[in-house]
Amino acid sequence: MAPYHIRQYQERDHTRVLELFSRGMEEHVPATFRHMLTLPQTLLPLLGVLVIIVLVSGSWLLATVCSFLVLLCLWLLVWLFCRKYVATCCHTDLADITKSYLNAHGSFWVAESGDQVVGIVGCLPVKAPPSGRKQLQLFRLSVSSQHRGQGIARALVRTVLQFARDQGYRDVVLETSIVQYSALALYQAMGFQKTDEYFASITMRLMALSIFHFTYFLPFAWEPGM
C-alpha cells in the first residue's frame, strides 16, 4: 500500500483531475445499465418485441439478434448520457477549478501518491441554504480505481468536514445517484443522513435514476456567554 497525502489543488493538476473525474463517471455505466434492465418500463417492451418477432417470423434466432441490438442501443444511450454529463462538468466548474472553487470561498483538494494525483474532492458554500443554516456542499469526489481500498475517499471527505468546521459551517451536504453504490455506503458509514430524493430531469425519471441528497450535521460549538 503506497503512502498518500492530501494537499490543495494546483494548476498543474488540472489534466489529471479531469481524467480522474471522467474515468470515475464512466465506471457507473455498467451499474446504470444493469439498473435499467430491472425496470418494468425496460423489460416489458423488450419482452414484447421478442414475442412479436417470434410470432411474426417464427425465428428465435432473429428474435435473439433483435433483442441483442435493442440492448446494445440501450447501452449506447446510457454511455452517451454519461458522456454528456461529464462534458457539461468539464466545461463548467471543472474548466477553471481555481476560479470555480478556490476563488469562490470554497476549496479543492487532491490526494497524491508517488507524485501522482489519485483522488480529488471539492466543496463550495450553498448559496441559499434552508432555514438560514450555513451549509457547505461536497463535489467531485473520485479516487483512481488502482488506489481504492486504502481509505483515500474517506480521508478526502474528512478533509471537507474539517474545512467546514474551521469555517463555521453547520452542515455539509452532497448529492449522489442511486447507482453509485460505493459512494452511498461510504457516506452513510461516515454519518451522512439521507434528507431528500428527487429526479434531476425527465430523462432521469424515465431511467429511474433518482438523486439522493445527504446531510452531515456538524456539532454546534456554543461559545461562552451564549
Protein backbone atom coordinates (compact mmCIF):
# COMPACT_ATOMS: atom_id res chain seq x y z
CA MET A 1 0.00 0.00 0.00
CA ALA A 2 1.68 3.19 -1.20
CA PRO A 3 1.52 6.19 1.16
CA TYR A 4 -0.51 9.21 0.14
CA HIS A 5 -1.05 12.76 1.29
CA ILE A 6 -3.76 15.33 0.68
CA ARG A 7 -2.96 18.85 -0.49
CA GLN A 8 -4.75 21.76 -2.08
CA TYR A 9 -5.25 21.78 -5.83
CA GLN A 10 -2.64 23.41 -8.08
CA GLU A 11 -2.98 24.38 -11.74
CA ARG A 12 -0.57 21.62 -12.82
CA ASP A 13 -3.12 19.07 -11.54
CA HIS A 14 -5.84 20.11 -13.97
CA THR A 15 -5.39 17.47 -16.68
CA ARG A 16 -5.16 14.65 -14.15
CA VAL A 17 -8.23 15.92 -12.27
CA LEU A 18 -10.32 15.85 -15.46
CA GLU A 19 -9.03 12.35 -16.24
CA LEU A 20 -9.92 11.03 -12.78
CA PHE A 21 -13.37 12.56 -12.85
CA SER A 22 -14.14 11.29 -16.37
CA ARG A 23 -12.98 7.75 -15.66
CA GLY A 24 -14.82 7.67 -12.36
CA MET A 25 -18.10 8.66 -14.01
CA GLU A 26 -17.68 6.19 -16.88
CA GLU A 27 -17.33 3.38 -14.34
CA HIS A 28 -21.00 3.91 -13.45
CA VAL A 29 -22.19 2.99 -16.96
CA PRO A 30 -22.42 -0.80 -16.28
CA ALA A 31 -24.27 -0.24 -12.99
CA THR A 32 -26.69 2.17 -14.66
CA PHE A 33 -27.29 -0.30 -17.49
CA ARG A 34 -28.00 -3.14 -15.05
CA HIS A 35 -30.29 -0.85 -13.07
CA MET A 36 -32.33 -0.06 -16.18
CA LEU A 37 -32.67 -3.76 -17.01
CA THR A 38 -34.51 -4.28 -13.72
CA LEU A 39 -37.19 -1.71 -14.59
CA PRO A 40 -40.64 -2.80 -15.84
CA GLN A 41 -40.57 0.01 -18.43
CA THR A 42 -37.47 -1.63 -19.90
CA LEU A 43 -38.28 -5.33 -19.51
CA LEU A 44 -41.86 -5.26 -20.78
CA PRO A 45 -41.12 -3.57 -24.15
CA LEU A 46 -38.09 -5.84 -24.61
CA LEU A 47 -40.16 -8.98 -23.99
CA GLY A 48 -42.92 -7.58 -26.19
CA VAL A 49 -40.53 -7.10 -29.11
CA LEU A 50 -39.18 -10.62 -28.59
CA VAL A 51 -42.65 -12.20 -28.62
CA ILE A 52 -43.84 -10.20 -31.65
CA ILE A 53 -40.78 -11.14 -33.71
CA VAL A 54 -41.18 -14.82 -32.82
CA LEU A 55 -44.90 -14.77 -33.71
CA VAL A 56 -44.36 -12.92 -36.99
CA SER A 57 -41.20 -14.60 -38.23
CA GLY A 58 -41.23 -17.85 -36.30
CA SER A 59 -37.48 -17.42 -35.79
CA TRP A 60 -35.96 -17.43 -32.32
CA LEU A 61 -32.60 -16.57 -33.86
CA LEU A 62 -33.97 -13.37 -35.39
CA ALA A 63 -35.67 -12.51 -32.11
CA THR A 64 -32.42 -13.04 -30.22
CA VAL A 65 -30.43 -10.87 -32.65
CA CYS A 66 -33.03 -8.08 -32.46
CA SER A 67 -33.06 -8.24 -28.66
CA PHE A 68 -29.27 -8.00 -28.64
CA LEU A 69 -29.44 -4.91 -30.87
CA VAL A 70 -32.01 -3.31 -28.56
CA LEU A 71 -29.76 -3.95 -25.55
CA LEU A 72 -26.80 -2.54 -27.46
CA CYS A 73 -28.77 0.63 -28.20
CA LEU A 74 -29.73 0.87 -24.53
CA TRP A 75 -26.06 0.58 -23.50
CA LEU A 76 -25.14 3.28 -26.01
CA LEU A 77 -27.88 5.52 -24.63
CA VAL A 78 -26.53 5.16 -21.09
CA TRP A 79 -22.96 5.78 -22.27
CA LEU A 80 -23.97 8.93 -24.19
CA PHE A 81 -25.91 10.17 -21.17
CA CYS A 82 -22.81 9.75 -19.02
CA ARG A 83 -20.54 11.42 -21.59
CA LYS A 84 -22.89 14.39 -21.84
CA TYR A 85 -22.81 14.87 -18.06
CA VAL A 86 -19.01 14.64 -17.99
CA ALA A 87 -18.69 17.14 -20.85
CA THR A 88 -21.01 19.57 -19.05
CA CYS A 89 -18.96 19.40 -15.85
CA CYS A 90 -15.67 19.77 -17.72
CA HIS A 91 -16.97 22.93 -19.39
CA THR A 92 -18.43 24.47 -16.22
CA ASP A 93 -16.89 24.20 -12.74
CA LEU A 94 -14.01 21.89 -13.75
CA ALA A 95 -12.95 24.14 -16.64
CA ASP A 96 -11.32 26.55 -14.18
CA ILE A 97 -11.05 24.95 -10.75
CA THR A 98 -9.20 27.88 -9.19
CA LYS A 99 -11.96 30.28 -10.21
CA SER A 100 -14.86 27.91 -9.50
CA TYR A 101 -13.67 26.69 -6.10
CA LEU A 102 -10.63 28.39 -4.58
CA ASN A 103 -11.77 31.92 -5.51
CA ALA A 104 -15.40 31.26 -4.62
CA HIS A 105 -14.96 30.77 -0.83
CA GLY A 106 -14.66 27.00 -1.30
CA SER A 107 -11.70 24.70 -1.79
CA PHE A 108 -10.44 21.77 -3.86
CA TRP A 109 -8.03 19.07 -2.77
CA VAL A 110 -6.12 16.25 -4.40
CA ALA A 111 -4.75 13.05 -2.89
CA GLU A 112 -1.25 12.38 -4.14
CA SER A 113 0.62 9.08 -4.09
CA GLY A 114 4.05 8.63 -5.63
CA ASP A 115 3.92 12.07 -7.31
CA GLN A 116 0.63 11.14 -8.99
CA VAL A 117 -2.82 12.55 -8.24
CA VAL A 118 -5.03 9.59 -7.31
CA GLY A 119 -8.03 11.28 -5.70
CA ILE A 120 -9.99 14.54 -5.82
CA VAL A 121 -12.71 16.40 -3.95
CA GLY A 122 -14.07 19.93 -3.88
CA CYS A 123 -16.53 21.99 -1.88
CA LEU A 124 -18.49 25.22 -2.19
CA PRO A 125 -20.82 27.15 0.10
CA VAL A 126 -24.52 26.60 -0.56
CA LYS A 127 -25.93 29.85 -1.92
CA ALA A 128 -29.43 29.62 -0.50
CA PRO A 129 -29.41 27.09 2.36
CA PRO A 130 -32.72 26.16 4.01
CA SER A 131 -33.69 27.83 7.27
CA GLY A 132 -30.68 30.13 7.01
CA ARG A 133 -28.27 27.38 8.01
CA LYS A 134 -24.68 27.87 6.84
CA GLN A 135 -24.03 24.88 4.59
CA LEU A 136 -21.08 23.62 2.57
CA GLN A 137 -21.60 21.27 -0.38
CA LEU A 138 -19.17 18.49 -1.30
CA PHE A 139 -18.47 17.97 -5.01
CA ARG A 140 -16.50 15.73 -7.40
CA LEU A 141 -15.27 13.03 -5.01
CA SER A 142 -13.34 10.46 -7.06
CA VAL A 143 -10.47 8.06 -6.44
CA SER A 144 -8.44 6.14 -9.02
CA SER A 145 -9.57 2.51 -9.29
CA GLN A 146 -5.97 1.34 -8.69
CA HIS A 147 -5.83 3.13 -5.33
CA ARG A 148 -9.15 2.22 -3.78
CA GLY A 149 -9.39 0.33 -0.54
CA GLN A 150 -6.72 2.50 1.11
CA GLY A 151 -9.07 4.93 2.84
CA ILE A 152 -8.35 7.77 0.41
CA ALA A 153 -12.00 8.61 -0.26
CA ARG A 154 -12.74 8.64 3.46
CA ALA A 155 -9.72 10.90 4.09
CA LEU A 156 -10.86 13.31 1.37
CA VAL A 157 -14.34 13.52 2.90
CA ARG A 158 -12.81 14.11 6.33
CA THR A 159 -10.78 16.96 4.81
CA VAL A 160 -14.01 18.61 3.65
CA LEU A 161 -15.63 18.08 7.06
CA GLN A 162 -12.65 19.65 8.83
CA PHE A 163 -12.70 22.61 6.44
CA ALA A 164 -16.40 23.07 7.21
CA ARG A 165 -15.74 23.04 10.97
CA ASP A 166 -12.89 25.53 10.66
CA GLN A 167 -15.05 27.88 8.56
CA GLY A 168 -18.01 27.74 10.92
CA TYR A 169 -20.46 25.78 8.76
CA ARG A 170 -23.40 23.98 10.36
CA ASP A 171 -23.88 21.26 7.73
CA VAL A 172 -22.07 19.53 4.89
CA VAL A 173 -24.37 18.41 2.09
CA LEU A 174 -23.86 16.38 -1.07
CA GLU A 175 -25.77 14.65 -3.84
CA THR A 176 -25.18 11.26 -5.40
CA SER A 177 -27.16 8.92 -7.64
CA ILE A 178 -28.91 5.69 -6.77
CA VAL A 179 -26.37 3.60 -8.77
CA GLN A 180 -23.25 4.95 -7.02
CA TYR A 181 -23.28 2.10 -4.53
CA SER A 182 -19.78 2.54 -3.08
CA ALA A 183 -20.33 6.25 -2.51
CA LEU A 184 -23.68 5.61 -0.82
CA ALA A 185 -22.08 3.09 1.54
CA LEU A 186 -19.19 5.45 2.33
CA TYR A 187 -21.36 8.46 3.11
CA GLN A 188 -23.74 6.51 5.32
CA ALA A 189 -20.84 4.87 7.17
CA MET A 190 -19.36 8.31 7.86
CA GLY A 191 -22.56 9.64 9.39
CA PHE A 192 -24.28 11.39 6.48
CA GLN A 193 -28.08 11.16 6.57
CA LYS A 194 -30.34 10.97 3.53
CA THR A 195 -32.57 14.05 3.65
CA ASP A 196 -34.15 14.11 0.19
CA GLU A 197 -34.61 12.16 -3.04
CA TYR A 198 -35.59 13.57 -6.43
CA PHE A 199 -35.18 13.28 -10.21
CA ALA A 200 -32.98 15.92 -11.84
CA SER A 201 -34.69 15.69 -15.24
CA ILE A 202 -37.42 13.93 -17.19
CA THR A 203 -34.77 11.68 -18.73
CA MET A 204 -33.54 10.60 -15.30
CA ARG A 205 -37.13 9.98 -14.21
CA LEU A 206 -37.68 7.71 -17.22
CA MET A 207 -34.44 5.90 -16.35
CA ALA A 208 -35.48 5.76 -12.66
CA LEU A 209 -32.15 7.38 -11.74
CA SER A 210 -33.01 9.23 -8.58
CA ILE A 211 -30.63 11.63 -6.85
CA PHE A 212 -30.08 11.26 -3.11
CA HIS A 213 -29.41 14.36 -1.05
CA PHE A 214 -27.27 13.70 2.05
CA THR A 215 -26.53 15.94 5.01
CA TYR A 216 -23.83 15.72 7.66
CA PHE A 217 -24.91 17.70 10.71
CA LEU A 218 -21.83 19.20 12.31
CA PRO A 219 -21.84 19.56 16.12
CA PHE A 220 -22.64 23.13 17.07
CA ALA A 221 -19.97 24.62 19.34
CA TRP A 222 -21.58 27.01 21.83
CA GLU A 223 -19.43 29.99 22.65
CA PRO A 224 -19.08 31.33 26.21
CA GLY A 225 -21.84 33.78 27.03
CA MET A 226 -24.33 32.37 24.51
